Amino acid sequence: MKKLITITAILIFQISMSQNYVELPFYELPVNADEYTAGTVAAKQVEALGFRFYHATDNLSEKDLQYKPNEDSRTTQETIKHIYDLSVIVLNACLNEANNKKDINYAFEDLRRETLYNLKKASEILRSTKDLSQHKIIFGSKEIPFWNAINGPISDAIWHCGQIATSRRTSGNPINSKVNHFSGKVSE
């Protein structure tokens, strides 16, 4: 009887977990746009960032999150928070909304999810954009051209994904070797 109750409890738990599971974007890169425009190229850069972030942060342990190369460095968790902040700047540029620094205190899984959804929203907006000059990074009354989003927060976040990949390898948990950054696919 105890065995039956235990098995039933495990099955109920697994079913409830699978029902609550939400697939996050960027496990693989989305299908390429049919045409090259400024917007589709910028969207692909954001999608490449999303793909790298997804896999750099997939299956991180608490040990990975607390890892830092030296005392003057950020922990992996702090680096993930920084990438989240950068994703907000990118999304706000796509929405033409001002950046108002909000100090959030999300848990790792929430930071990861929100970062991926910010990047997904930004890429969707960019895919339909023909003229990137309509998008600006806005800080207070200062409007900065979208060019700066490319060499600023997008490139910076990609850089930090590489740091996370290096840190997790150092802490003994390398990225899935089946991830192919060139194709944007994960082999089976």
N, C-alpha and C. Protein backbone atom coordinates (compact mmCIF):
# COMPACT_ATOMS: atom_id res chain seq x y z
N MET A 1 0.82 -1.19 0.00
CA MET A 1 0.00 0.00 0.00
C MET A 1 0.87 1.26 0.00
N LYS A 2 1.95 1.24 0.83
CA LYS A 2 2.85 2.40 0.87
C LYS A 2 3.47 2.66 -0.50
N LYS A 3 3.84 1.57 -1.18
CA LYS A 3 4.43 1.69 -2.51
C LYS A 3 3.46 2.34 -3.48
N LEU A 4 2.22 1.93 -3.44
CA LEU A 4 1.19 2.47 -4.33
C LEU A 4 0.99 3.97 -4.06
N ILE A 5 0.93 4.35 -2.81
CA ILE A 5 0.78 5.77 -2.45
C ILE A 5 1.99 6.57 -2.92
N THR A 6 3.19 6.04 -2.73
CA THR A 6 4.41 6.73 -3.16
C THR A 6 4.44 6.89 -4.67
N ILE A 7 4.13 5.83 -5.39
CA ILE A 7 4.12 5.89 -6.86
C ILE A 7 3.07 6.88 -7.34
N THR A 8 1.88 6.86 -6.72
CA THR A 8 0.81 7.79 -7.10
C THR A 8 1.25 9.23 -6.84
N ALA A 9 1.86 9.48 -5.70
CA ALA A 9 2.32 10.83 -5.37
C ALA A 9 3.37 11.31 -6.37
N ILE A 10 4.29 10.43 -6.75
CA ILE A 10 5.32 10.79 -7.73
C ILE A 10 4.68 11.12 -9.07
N LEU A 11 3.75 10.30 -9.51
CA LEU A 11 3.07 10.55 -10.79
C LEU A 11 2.30 11.86 -10.77
N ILE A 12 1.58 12.13 -9.69
CA ILE A 12 0.84 13.39 -9.58
C ILE A 12 1.80 14.57 -9.62
N PHE A 13 2.92 14.47 -8.92
CA PHE A 13 3.92 15.53 -8.92
C PHE A 13 4.46 15.76 -10.33
N GLN A 14 4.82 14.69 -11.03
CA GLN A 14 5.36 14.81 -12.38
C GLN A 14 4.34 15.41 -13.35
N ILE A 15 3.09 15.00 -13.24
CA ILE A 15 2.05 15.55 -14.11
C ILE A 15 1.85 17.03 -13.82
N SER A 16 1.81 17.41 -12.56
CA SER A 16 1.62 18.83 -12.23
C SER A 16 2.81 19.66 -12.68
N MET A 17 4.01 19.11 -12.57
CA MET A 17 5.20 19.84 -13.02
C MET A 17 5.18 20.01 -14.53
N SER A 18 4.78 18.99 -15.27
CA SER A 18 4.77 19.10 -16.73
C SER A 18 3.68 20.07 -17.18
N GLN A 19 2.59 20.18 -16.45
CA GLN A 19 1.55 21.13 -16.80
C GLN A 19 1.98 22.56 -16.51
N ASN A 20 2.82 22.76 -15.52
CA ASN A 20 3.29 24.10 -15.17
C ASN A 20 4.51 24.52 -15.98
N TYR A 21 5.10 23.59 -16.71
CA TYR A 21 6.30 23.88 -17.48
C TYR A 21 5.97 24.80 -18.64
N VAL A 22 6.73 25.88 -18.76
CA VAL A 22 6.58 26.81 -19.87
C VAL A 22 7.88 26.78 -20.65
N GLU A 23 7.76 26.49 -21.93
CA GLU A 23 8.96 26.43 -22.77
C GLU A 23 9.50 27.84 -22.97
N LEU A 24 10.76 28.02 -22.67
CA LEU A 24 11.40 29.32 -22.84
C LEU A 24 11.87 29.50 -24.27
N PRO A 25 11.88 30.74 -24.75
CA PRO A 25 12.37 30.98 -26.11
C PRO A 25 13.87 30.81 -26.22
N PHE A 26 14.32 30.56 -27.43
CA PHE A 26 15.72 30.53 -27.85
C PHE A 26 16.46 29.24 -27.53
N TYR A 27 15.74 28.14 -27.27
CA TYR A 27 16.42 26.85 -27.19
C TYR A 27 17.15 26.63 -28.51
N GLU A 28 16.48 26.97 -29.60
CA GLU A 28 17.11 27.02 -30.92
C GLU A 28 16.76 28.37 -31.54
N LEU A 29 17.55 28.78 -32.52
CA LEU A 29 17.29 30.05 -33.17
C LEU A 29 16.01 29.97 -34.00
N PRO A 30 15.22 31.04 -34.02
CA PRO A 30 14.03 31.05 -34.87
C PRO A 30 14.41 30.96 -36.35
N VAL A 31 13.43 30.61 -37.16
CA VAL A 31 13.63 30.54 -38.61
C VAL A 31 14.06 31.92 -39.11
N ASN A 32 15.00 31.93 -40.05
CA ASN A 32 15.47 33.20 -40.61
C ASN A 32 14.36 33.92 -41.35
N ALA A 33 14.43 35.24 -41.36
CA ALA A 33 13.49 36.05 -42.12
C ALA A 33 13.69 35.79 -43.61
N ASP A 34 12.68 36.08 -44.40
CA ASP A 34 12.76 35.86 -45.85
C ASP A 34 13.64 36.89 -46.54
N GLU A 35 13.76 38.07 -45.95
CA GLU A 35 14.56 39.11 -46.58
C GLU A 35 15.49 39.77 -45.57
N TYR A 36 16.56 40.33 -46.10
CA TYR A 36 17.50 41.08 -45.28
C TYR A 36 17.05 42.54 -45.24
N THR A 37 16.74 43.01 -44.05
CA THR A 37 16.47 44.44 -43.84
C THR A 37 17.26 44.83 -42.60
N ALA A 38 17.33 46.11 -42.35
CA ALA A 38 18.00 46.55 -41.12
C ALA A 38 17.35 45.88 -39.90
N GLY A 39 16.02 45.81 -39.91
CA GLY A 39 15.30 45.23 -38.79
C GLY A 39 15.52 43.74 -38.63
N THR A 40 15.53 42.99 -39.74
CA THR A 40 15.72 41.54 -39.62
C THR A 40 17.15 41.20 -39.21
N VAL A 41 18.11 42.01 -39.65
CA VAL A 41 19.50 41.76 -39.23
C VAL A 41 19.66 42.08 -37.75
N ALA A 42 19.09 43.20 -37.29
CA ALA A 42 19.16 43.54 -35.86
C ALA A 42 18.42 42.48 -35.03
N ALA A 43 17.29 42.00 -35.54
CA ALA A 43 16.55 40.96 -34.83
C ALA A 43 17.40 39.70 -34.70
N LYS A 44 18.13 39.33 -35.76
CA LYS A 44 18.98 38.14 -35.71
C LYS A 44 20.08 38.31 -34.66
N GLN A 45 20.60 39.53 -34.51
CA GLN A 45 21.61 39.75 -33.46
C GLN A 45 21.02 39.52 -32.08
N VAL A 46 19.80 40.01 -31.88
CA VAL A 46 19.13 39.82 -30.58
C VAL A 46 18.82 38.34 -30.37
N GLU A 47 18.39 37.65 -31.42
CA GLU A 47 18.10 36.23 -31.32
C GLU A 47 19.36 35.42 -31.01
N ALA A 48 20.47 35.80 -31.64
CA ALA A 48 21.74 35.11 -31.35
C ALA A 48 22.13 35.31 -29.89
N LEU A 49 21.89 36.51 -29.37
CA LEU A 49 22.12 36.76 -27.95
C LEU A 49 21.21 35.87 -27.12
N GLY A 50 19.93 35.79 -27.48
CA GLY A 50 18.99 34.95 -26.73
C GLY A 50 19.42 33.49 -26.72
N PHE A 51 19.86 32.99 -27.87
CA PHE A 51 20.32 31.60 -27.98
C PHE A 51 21.54 31.37 -27.08
N ARG A 52 22.50 32.28 -27.13
CA ARG A 52 23.69 32.14 -26.29
C ARG A 52 23.35 32.23 -24.81
N PHE A 53 22.48 33.18 -24.47
CA PHE A 53 22.07 33.34 -23.07
C PHE A 53 21.33 32.09 -22.58
N TYR A 54 20.42 31.59 -23.41
CA TYR A 54 19.66 30.39 -23.03
C TYR A 54 20.61 29.27 -22.62
N HIS A 55 21.58 28.99 -23.48
CA HIS A 55 22.46 27.85 -23.23
C HIS A 55 23.55 28.14 -22.20
N ALA A 56 23.98 29.38 -22.11
CA ALA A 56 24.97 29.73 -21.08
C ALA A 56 24.36 29.59 -19.69
N THR A 57 23.05 29.81 -19.57
CA THR A 57 22.40 29.79 -18.26
C THR A 57 21.57 28.53 -18.00
N ASP A 58 21.55 27.61 -18.95
CA ASP A 58 20.76 26.39 -18.80
C ASP A 58 21.40 25.46 -17.78
N ASN A 59 20.60 24.98 -16.85
CA ASN A 59 21.03 23.99 -15.84
C ASN A 59 22.19 24.47 -14.97
N LEU A 60 22.16 25.72 -14.58
CA LEU A 60 23.19 26.21 -13.65
C LEU A 60 22.87 25.74 -12.24
N SER A 61 23.89 25.37 -11.52
CA SER A 61 23.72 24.96 -10.12
C SER A 61 23.96 26.18 -9.23
N GLU A 62 23.65 26.03 -7.98
CA GLU A 62 23.93 27.11 -7.01
C GLU A 62 25.43 27.40 -6.96
N LYS A 63 26.24 26.36 -7.07
CA LYS A 63 27.70 26.54 -7.11
C LYS A 63 28.09 27.40 -8.31
N ASP A 64 27.48 27.13 -9.48
CA ASP A 64 27.76 27.93 -10.68
C ASP A 64 27.36 29.38 -10.46
N LEU A 65 26.18 29.60 -9.88
CA LEU A 65 25.66 30.95 -9.70
C LEU A 65 26.52 31.77 -8.75
N GLN A 66 27.13 31.14 -7.78
CA GLN A 66 27.95 31.85 -6.81
C GLN A 66 29.42 31.98 -7.23
N TYR A 67 29.79 31.31 -8.32
CA TYR A 67 31.18 31.34 -8.78
C TYR A 67 31.59 32.73 -9.23
N LYS A 68 32.80 33.13 -8.85
CA LYS A 68 33.42 34.33 -9.38
C LYS A 68 34.92 34.09 -9.46
N PRO A 69 35.53 34.54 -10.57
CA PRO A 69 36.95 34.24 -10.80
C PRO A 69 37.89 34.82 -9.76
N ASN A 70 37.54 36.00 -9.23
CA ASN A 70 38.36 36.63 -8.18
C ASN A 70 37.50 37.61 -7.41
N GLU A 71 38.06 38.20 -6.38
CA GLU A 71 37.29 39.08 -5.49
C GLU A 71 36.80 40.35 -6.18
N ASP A 72 37.45 40.77 -7.24
CA ASP A 72 37.05 41.99 -7.94
C ASP A 72 36.00 41.74 -9.02
N SER A 73 35.60 40.49 -9.21
CA SER A 73 34.67 40.11 -10.27
C SER A 73 33.25 39.99 -9.75
N ARG A 74 32.31 39.95 -10.68
CA ARG A 74 30.92 39.64 -10.37
C ARG A 74 30.78 38.13 -10.23
N THR A 75 29.80 37.71 -9.45
CA THR A 75 29.42 36.29 -9.47
C THR A 75 28.65 36.05 -10.76
N THR A 76 28.47 34.79 -11.11
CA THR A 76 27.67 34.46 -12.28
C THR A 76 26.26 35.01 -12.11
N GLN A 77 25.69 34.89 -10.92
CA GLN A 77 24.35 35.43 -10.65
C GLN A 77 24.31 36.94 -10.91
N GLU A 78 25.32 37.67 -10.47
CA GLU A 78 25.38 39.12 -10.70
C GLU A 78 25.53 39.44 -12.19
N THR A 79 26.26 38.61 -12.90
CA THR A 79 26.42 38.80 -14.35
C THR A 79 25.08 38.58 -15.05
N ILE A 80 24.33 37.58 -14.61
CA ILE A 80 23.01 37.33 -15.18
C ILE A 80 22.08 38.51 -14.92
N LYS A 81 22.15 39.08 -13.74
CA LYS A 81 21.35 40.28 -13.42
C LYS A 81 21.73 41.42 -14.35
N HIS A 82 23.02 41.59 -14.62
CA HIS A 82 23.50 42.64 -15.52
C HIS A 82 22.96 42.41 -16.94
N ILE A 83 22.97 41.17 -17.40
CA ILE A 83 22.42 40.86 -18.73
C ILE A 83 20.92 41.16 -18.75
N TYR A 84 20.22 40.86 -17.69
CA TYR A 84 18.80 41.22 -17.60
C TYR A 84 18.65 42.73 -17.78
N ASP A 85 19.44 43.51 -17.06
CA ASP A 85 19.37 44.98 -17.18
C ASP A 85 19.63 45.43 -18.62
N LEU A 86 20.59 44.80 -19.28
CA LEU A 86 20.88 45.13 -20.68
C LEU A 86 19.71 44.76 -21.59
N SER A 87 19.05 43.64 -21.29
CA SER A 87 17.89 43.23 -22.10
C SER A 87 16.74 44.23 -21.97
N VAL A 88 16.61 44.84 -20.80
CA VAL A 88 15.59 45.87 -20.59
C VAL A 88 15.90 47.09 -21.46
N ILE A 89 17.16 47.48 -21.53
CA ILE A 89 17.55 48.62 -22.37
C ILE A 89 17.25 48.33 -23.84
N VAL A 90 17.58 47.14 -24.30
CA VAL A 90 17.31 46.76 -25.69
C VAL A 90 15.80 46.78 -25.97
N LEU A 91 15.02 46.16 -25.09
CA LEU A 91 13.57 46.14 -25.29
C LEU A 91 13.01 47.56 -25.26
N ASN A 92 13.44 48.37 -24.31
CA ASN A 92 12.95 49.75 -24.23
C ASN A 92 13.29 50.54 -25.49
N ALA A 93 14.46 50.29 -26.08
CA ALA A 93 14.82 50.96 -27.34
C ALA A 93 13.84 50.55 -28.44
N CYS A 94 13.46 49.29 -28.46
CA CYS A 94 12.51 48.81 -29.48
C CYS A 94 11.13 49.40 -29.25
N LEU A 95 10.78 49.63 -28.00
CA LEU A 95 9.47 50.19 -27.65
C LEU A 95 9.48 51.72 -27.62
N ASN A 96 10.67 52.32 -27.76
CA ASN A 96 10.84 53.78 -27.61
C ASN A 96 10.37 54.26 -26.25
N GLU A 97 10.74 53.52 -25.23
CA GLU A 97 10.40 53.87 -23.85
C GLU A 97 11.66 54.25 -23.10
N ALA A 98 11.49 55.18 -22.17
CA ALA A 98 12.62 55.64 -21.36
C ALA A 98 13.09 54.52 -20.43
N ASN A 99 14.38 54.54 -20.16
CA ASN A 99 14.97 53.59 -19.21
C ASN A 99 14.96 54.23 -17.83
N ASN A 100 14.21 53.63 -16.96
CA ASN A 100 14.14 54.06 -15.57
C ASN A 100 14.65 52.91 -14.73
N LYS A 101 15.83 53.07 -14.18
CA LYS A 101 16.47 52.00 -13.43
C LYS A 101 15.59 51.58 -12.25
N LYS A 102 15.13 50.34 -12.32
CA LYS A 102 14.34 49.77 -11.24
C LYS A 102 15.19 48.67 -10.61
N ASP A 103 15.39 48.75 -9.34
CA ASP A 103 16.18 47.72 -8.68
C ASP A 103 15.28 46.54 -8.35
N ILE A 104 15.45 45.48 -9.10
CA ILE A 104 14.65 44.27 -8.88
C ILE A 104 15.50 43.23 -8.17
N ASN A 105 14.85 42.33 -7.52
CA ASN A 105 15.55 41.27 -6.80
C ASN A 105 14.94 39.92 -7.17
N TYR A 106 15.06 39.57 -8.46
CA TYR A 106 14.52 38.31 -8.93
C TYR A 106 15.44 37.15 -8.57
N ALA A 107 14.83 36.00 -8.37
CA ALA A 107 15.59 34.76 -8.23
C ALA A 107 16.15 34.41 -9.61
N PHE A 108 17.14 33.54 -9.65
CA PHE A 108 17.80 33.18 -10.90
C PHE A 108 16.81 32.78 -11.99
N GLU A 109 15.89 31.86 -11.71
CA GLU A 109 14.97 31.37 -12.74
C GLU A 109 14.10 32.50 -13.29
N ASP A 110 13.70 33.44 -12.42
CA ASP A 110 12.91 34.58 -12.86
C ASP A 110 13.74 35.52 -13.74
N LEU A 111 14.97 35.77 -13.34
CA LEU A 111 15.88 36.60 -14.16
C LEU A 111 16.07 35.99 -15.54
N ARG A 112 16.30 34.71 -15.55
CA ARG A 112 16.54 34.00 -16.82
C ARG A 112 15.31 34.10 -17.72
N ARG A 113 14.15 33.78 -17.16
CA ARG A 113 12.92 33.81 -17.94
C ARG A 113 12.63 35.23 -18.46
N GLU A 114 12.70 36.21 -17.60
CA GLU A 114 12.39 37.59 -17.99
C GLU A 114 13.37 38.11 -19.04
N THR A 115 14.64 37.75 -18.90
CA THR A 115 15.65 38.16 -19.90
C THR A 115 15.30 37.56 -21.25
N LEU A 116 15.00 36.27 -21.28
CA LEU A 116 14.66 35.62 -22.55
C LEU A 116 13.40 36.20 -23.18
N TYR A 117 12.40 36.50 -22.37
CA TYR A 117 11.18 37.09 -22.93
C TYR A 117 11.40 38.54 -23.38
N ASN A 118 12.25 39.29 -22.68
CA ASN A 118 12.59 40.64 -23.15
C ASN A 118 13.24 40.57 -24.53
N LEU A 119 14.16 39.65 -24.69
CA LEU A 119 14.86 39.50 -25.97
C LEU A 119 13.90 39.02 -27.06
N LYS A 120 12.99 38.13 -26.71
CA LYS A 120 12.01 37.66 -27.69
C LYS A 120 11.14 38.81 -28.17
N LYS A 121 10.62 39.62 -27.25
CA LYS A 121 9.79 40.77 -27.62
C LYS A 121 10.57 41.74 -28.50
N ALA A 122 11.81 42.00 -28.12
CA ALA A 122 12.64 42.92 -28.91
C ALA A 122 12.86 42.39 -30.31
N SER A 123 13.16 41.10 -30.45
CA SER A 123 13.40 40.54 -31.79
C SER A 123 12.14 40.58 -32.63
N GLU A 124 10.98 40.34 -32.03
CA GLU A 124 9.72 40.40 -32.77
C GLU A 124 9.46 41.81 -33.31
N ILE A 125 9.72 42.81 -32.49
CA ILE A 125 9.54 44.20 -32.93
C ILE A 125 10.53 44.52 -34.05
N LEU A 126 11.78 44.14 -33.87
CA LEU A 126 12.81 44.45 -34.86
C LEU A 126 12.54 43.77 -36.19
N ARG A 127 12.02 42.55 -36.18
CA ARG A 127 11.74 41.82 -37.43
C ARG A 127 10.78 42.59 -38.33
N SER A 128 9.89 43.36 -37.74
CA SER A 128 8.92 44.11 -38.55
C SER A 128 9.35 45.56 -38.79
N THR A 129 10.55 45.91 -38.36
CA THR A 129 11.05 47.28 -38.51
C THR A 129 11.85 47.40 -39.79
N LYS A 130 11.52 48.38 -40.59
CA LYS A 130 12.28 48.65 -41.82
C LYS A 130 13.35 49.71 -41.57
N ASP A 131 13.06 50.66 -40.69
CA ASP A 131 13.96 51.79 -40.44
C ASP A 131 14.32 51.84 -38.96
N LEU A 132 15.54 51.42 -38.64
CA LEU A 132 15.96 51.38 -37.24
C LEU A 132 16.13 52.76 -36.63
N SER A 133 16.20 53.80 -37.45
CA SER A 133 16.39 55.14 -36.89
C SER A 133 15.17 55.59 -36.08
N GLN A 134 14.05 54.90 -36.23
CA GLN A 134 12.87 55.24 -35.43
C GLN A 134 13.00 54.76 -33.98
N HIS A 135 13.94 53.88 -33.73
CA HIS A 135 14.15 53.35 -32.37
C HIS A 135 15.33 54.07 -31.71
N LYS A 136 15.14 54.43 -30.46
CA LYS A 136 16.17 55.17 -29.70
C LYS A 136 16.32 54.56 -28.32
N ILE A 137 17.53 54.66 -27.81
CA ILE A 137 17.76 54.38 -26.39
C ILE A 137 17.50 55.70 -25.68
N ILE A 138 16.62 55.69 -24.71
CA ILE A 138 16.22 56.93 -24.03
C ILE A 138 16.60 56.86 -22.56
N PHE A 139 17.43 57.81 -22.17
CA PHE A 139 17.79 58.00 -20.76
C PHE A 139 17.39 59.43 -20.41
N GLY A 140 16.33 59.58 -19.63
CA GLY A 140 15.84 60.92 -19.30
C GLY A 140 15.43 61.65 -20.57
N SER A 141 16.03 62.83 -20.80
CA SER A 141 15.71 63.60 -22.01
C SER A 141 16.68 63.30 -23.15
N LYS A 142 17.63 62.43 -22.89
CA LYS A 142 18.65 62.11 -23.89
C LYS A 142 18.21 60.92 -24.74
N GLU A 143 18.19 61.14 -26.07
CA GLU A 143 17.85 60.07 -27.02
C GLU A 143 19.11 59.69 -27.79
N ILE A 144 19.42 58.41 -27.76
CA ILE A 144 20.64 57.89 -28.37
C ILE A 144 20.24 56.98 -29.52
N PRO A 145 20.91 57.09 -30.68
CA PRO A 145 20.52 56.28 -31.84
C PRO A 145 20.62 54.77 -31.57
N PHE A 146 19.84 54.00 -32.32
CA PHE A 146 19.83 52.54 -32.16
C PHE A 146 21.19 51.92 -32.43
N TRP A 147 22.03 52.60 -33.22
CA TRP A 147 23.40 52.09 -33.44
C TRP A 147 24.04 51.71 -32.12
N ASN A 148 23.82 52.54 -31.12
CA ASN A 148 24.44 52.31 -29.82
C ASN A 148 23.89 51.08 -29.11
N ALA A 149 22.68 50.66 -29.46
CA ALA A 149 22.14 49.42 -28.90
C ALA A 149 22.91 48.23 -29.42
N ILE A 150 23.37 48.33 -30.68
CA ILE A 150 24.12 47.22 -31.29
C ILE A 150 25.50 47.09 -30.65
N ASN A 151 26.25 48.20 -30.62
CA ASN A 151 27.60 48.10 -30.05
C ASN A 151 27.60 48.25 -28.53
N GLY A 152 26.47 48.62 -27.94
CA GLY A 152 26.36 48.75 -26.50
C GLY A 152 25.75 47.51 -25.86
N PRO A 153 24.47 47.58 -25.46
CA PRO A 153 23.90 46.49 -24.67
C PRO A 153 23.83 45.13 -25.36
N ILE A 154 23.60 45.09 -26.67
CA ILE A 154 23.54 43.78 -27.35
C ILE A 154 24.90 43.11 -27.33
N SER A 155 25.93 43.84 -27.77
CA SER A 155 27.29 43.27 -27.80
C SER A 155 27.81 43.00 -26.39
N ASP A 156 27.50 43.88 -25.46
CA ASP A 156 27.95 43.70 -24.08
C ASP A 156 27.34 42.42 -23.49
N ALA A 157 26.05 42.20 -23.75
CA ALA A 157 25.39 41.00 -23.22
C ALA A 157 25.97 39.72 -23.83
N ILE A 158 26.29 39.77 -25.14
CA ILE A 158 26.92 38.60 -25.77
C ILE A 158 28.27 38.32 -25.10
N TRP A 159 29.02 39.37 -24.85
CA TRP A 159 30.32 39.26 -24.16
C TRP A 159 30.12 38.56 -22.82
N HIS A 160 29.12 38.99 -22.07
CA HIS A 160 28.89 38.42 -20.74
C HIS A 160 28.39 36.97 -20.80
N CYS A 161 27.69 36.60 -21.87
CA CYS A 161 27.31 35.19 -22.04
C CYS A 161 28.56 34.32 -22.14
N GLY A 162 29.58 34.84 -22.83
CA GLY A 162 30.86 34.13 -22.91
C GLY A 162 31.51 34.00 -21.54
N GLN A 163 31.39 35.04 -20.73
CA GLN A 163 31.93 34.97 -19.36
C GLN A 163 31.22 33.88 -18.56
N ILE A 164 29.90 33.81 -18.70
CA ILE A 164 29.13 32.79 -17.98
C ILE A 164 29.57 31.40 -18.45
N ALA A 165 29.73 31.24 -19.76
CA ALA A 165 30.16 29.94 -20.30
C ALA A 165 31.53 29.55 -19.72
N THR A 166 32.44 30.50 -19.65
CA THR A 166 33.76 30.22 -19.09
C THR A 166 33.67 29.90 -17.60
N SER A 167 32.90 30.69 -16.87
CA SER A 167 32.77 30.48 -15.42
C SER A 167 32.15 29.12 -15.11
N ARG A 168 31.12 28.75 -15.85
CA ARG A 168 30.48 27.46 -15.55
C ARG A 168 31.39 26.30 -15.91
N ARG A 169 32.21 26.46 -16.95
CA ARG A 169 33.19 25.41 -17.26
C ARG A 169 34.19 25.29 -16.11
N THR A 170 34.63 26.43 -15.59
CA THR A 170 35.60 26.45 -14.49
C THR A 170 35.01 25.83 -13.22
N SER A 171 33.70 26.06 -13.01
CA SER A 171 33.08 25.49 -11.80
C SER A 171 32.61 24.05 -12.02
N GLY A 172 32.96 23.47 -13.19
CA GLY A 172 32.72 22.04 -13.41
C GLY A 172 31.41 21.70 -14.11
N ASN A 173 30.76 22.67 -14.76
CA ASN A 173 29.47 22.42 -15.39
C ASN A 173 29.44 23.07 -16.78
N PRO A 174 30.19 22.52 -17.75
CA PRO A 174 30.25 23.15 -19.07
C PRO A 174 28.91 23.13 -19.80
N ILE A 175 28.77 24.02 -20.79
CA ILE A 175 27.58 24.08 -21.64
C ILE A 175 27.43 22.75 -22.37
N ASN A 176 26.21 22.39 -22.64
CA ASN A 176 25.87 21.19 -23.41
C ASN A 176 26.70 21.17 -24.70
N SER A 177 27.45 20.13 -24.91
CA SER A 177 28.32 20.03 -26.08
C SER A 177 27.55 19.85 -27.39
N LYS A 178 26.25 19.62 -27.31
CA LYS A 178 25.44 19.44 -28.51
C LYS A 178 24.90 20.77 -29.07
N VAL A 179 25.20 21.87 -28.37
CA VAL A 179 24.77 23.19 -28.83
C VAL A 179 25.71 23.63 -29.95
N ASN A 180 25.14 24.01 -31.10
CA ASN A 180 25.92 24.47 -32.23
C ASN A 180 25.60 25.95 -32.45
N HIS A 181 26.51 26.82 -32.04
CA HIS A 181 26.29 28.26 -32.15
C HIS A 181 26.27 28.74 -33.60
N PHE A 182 26.92 28.02 -34.49
CA PHE A 182 26.94 28.40 -35.89
C PHE A 182 25.57 28.19 -36.54
N SER A 183 24.97 27.04 -36.30
CA SER A 183 23.66 26.73 -36.91
C SER A 183 22.49 27.21 -36.06
N GLY A 184 22.74 27.44 -34.77
CA GLY A 184 21.64 27.82 -33.89
C GLY A 184 20.74 26.64 -33.54
N LYS A 185 21.30 25.45 -33.59
CA LYS A 185 20.54 24.23 -33.32
C LYS A 185 21.21 23.44 -32.20
N VAL A 186 20.47 22.49 -31.66
CA VAL A 186 20.99 21.56 -30.67
C VAL A 186 20.82 20.16 -31.25
N SER A 187 21.93 19.46 -31.45
CA SER A 187 21.84 18.12 -32.03
C SER A 187 21.33 17.14 -30.98
N GLU A 188 20.70 16.12 -31.48
CA GLU A 188 20.10 15.10 -30.58
C GLU A 188 21.11 14.08 -30.17
